[in-house]
Amino acid sequence: MINTWEGSFIASKPALLPLGVGSSTGSVEIRGLFFFGMVVLAIGLVSVVYPRFFWNIGIGRKAKAPPPRAYLVMLRIGGILACALGVIMLLKAFQM
């Protein structure tokens, strides 16, 4: 309840559009979250398993030396974080 000089009223949240409610495929939000979670998880797995792929895309074409070990470790850590984010997104999509 919000009190003002002119009186009080109850503020409510704006209603969300019911996108896909009642359909057999699920709502648009759940499908989008599921798809984006799968993409983030796949990118994270590629970064963990084969970090040189991302090095080749970003820097490898211009570099004459192999990638530093610290850079590959940083890519793997980022991949682990991306995998964790992807799993959280998938769990949230299945929880909805």
Foldseek 3Di string as FASTA:
>chain_A
DDQDPVGDDDDDDDDDDQAQPPPPVDGPVLVVLLVVLVVLLVLLVCLQPPVVVVCCVPPVVPDPDDDDPVVSVVSNVVSVVSNVVSVVSNVVSVVD
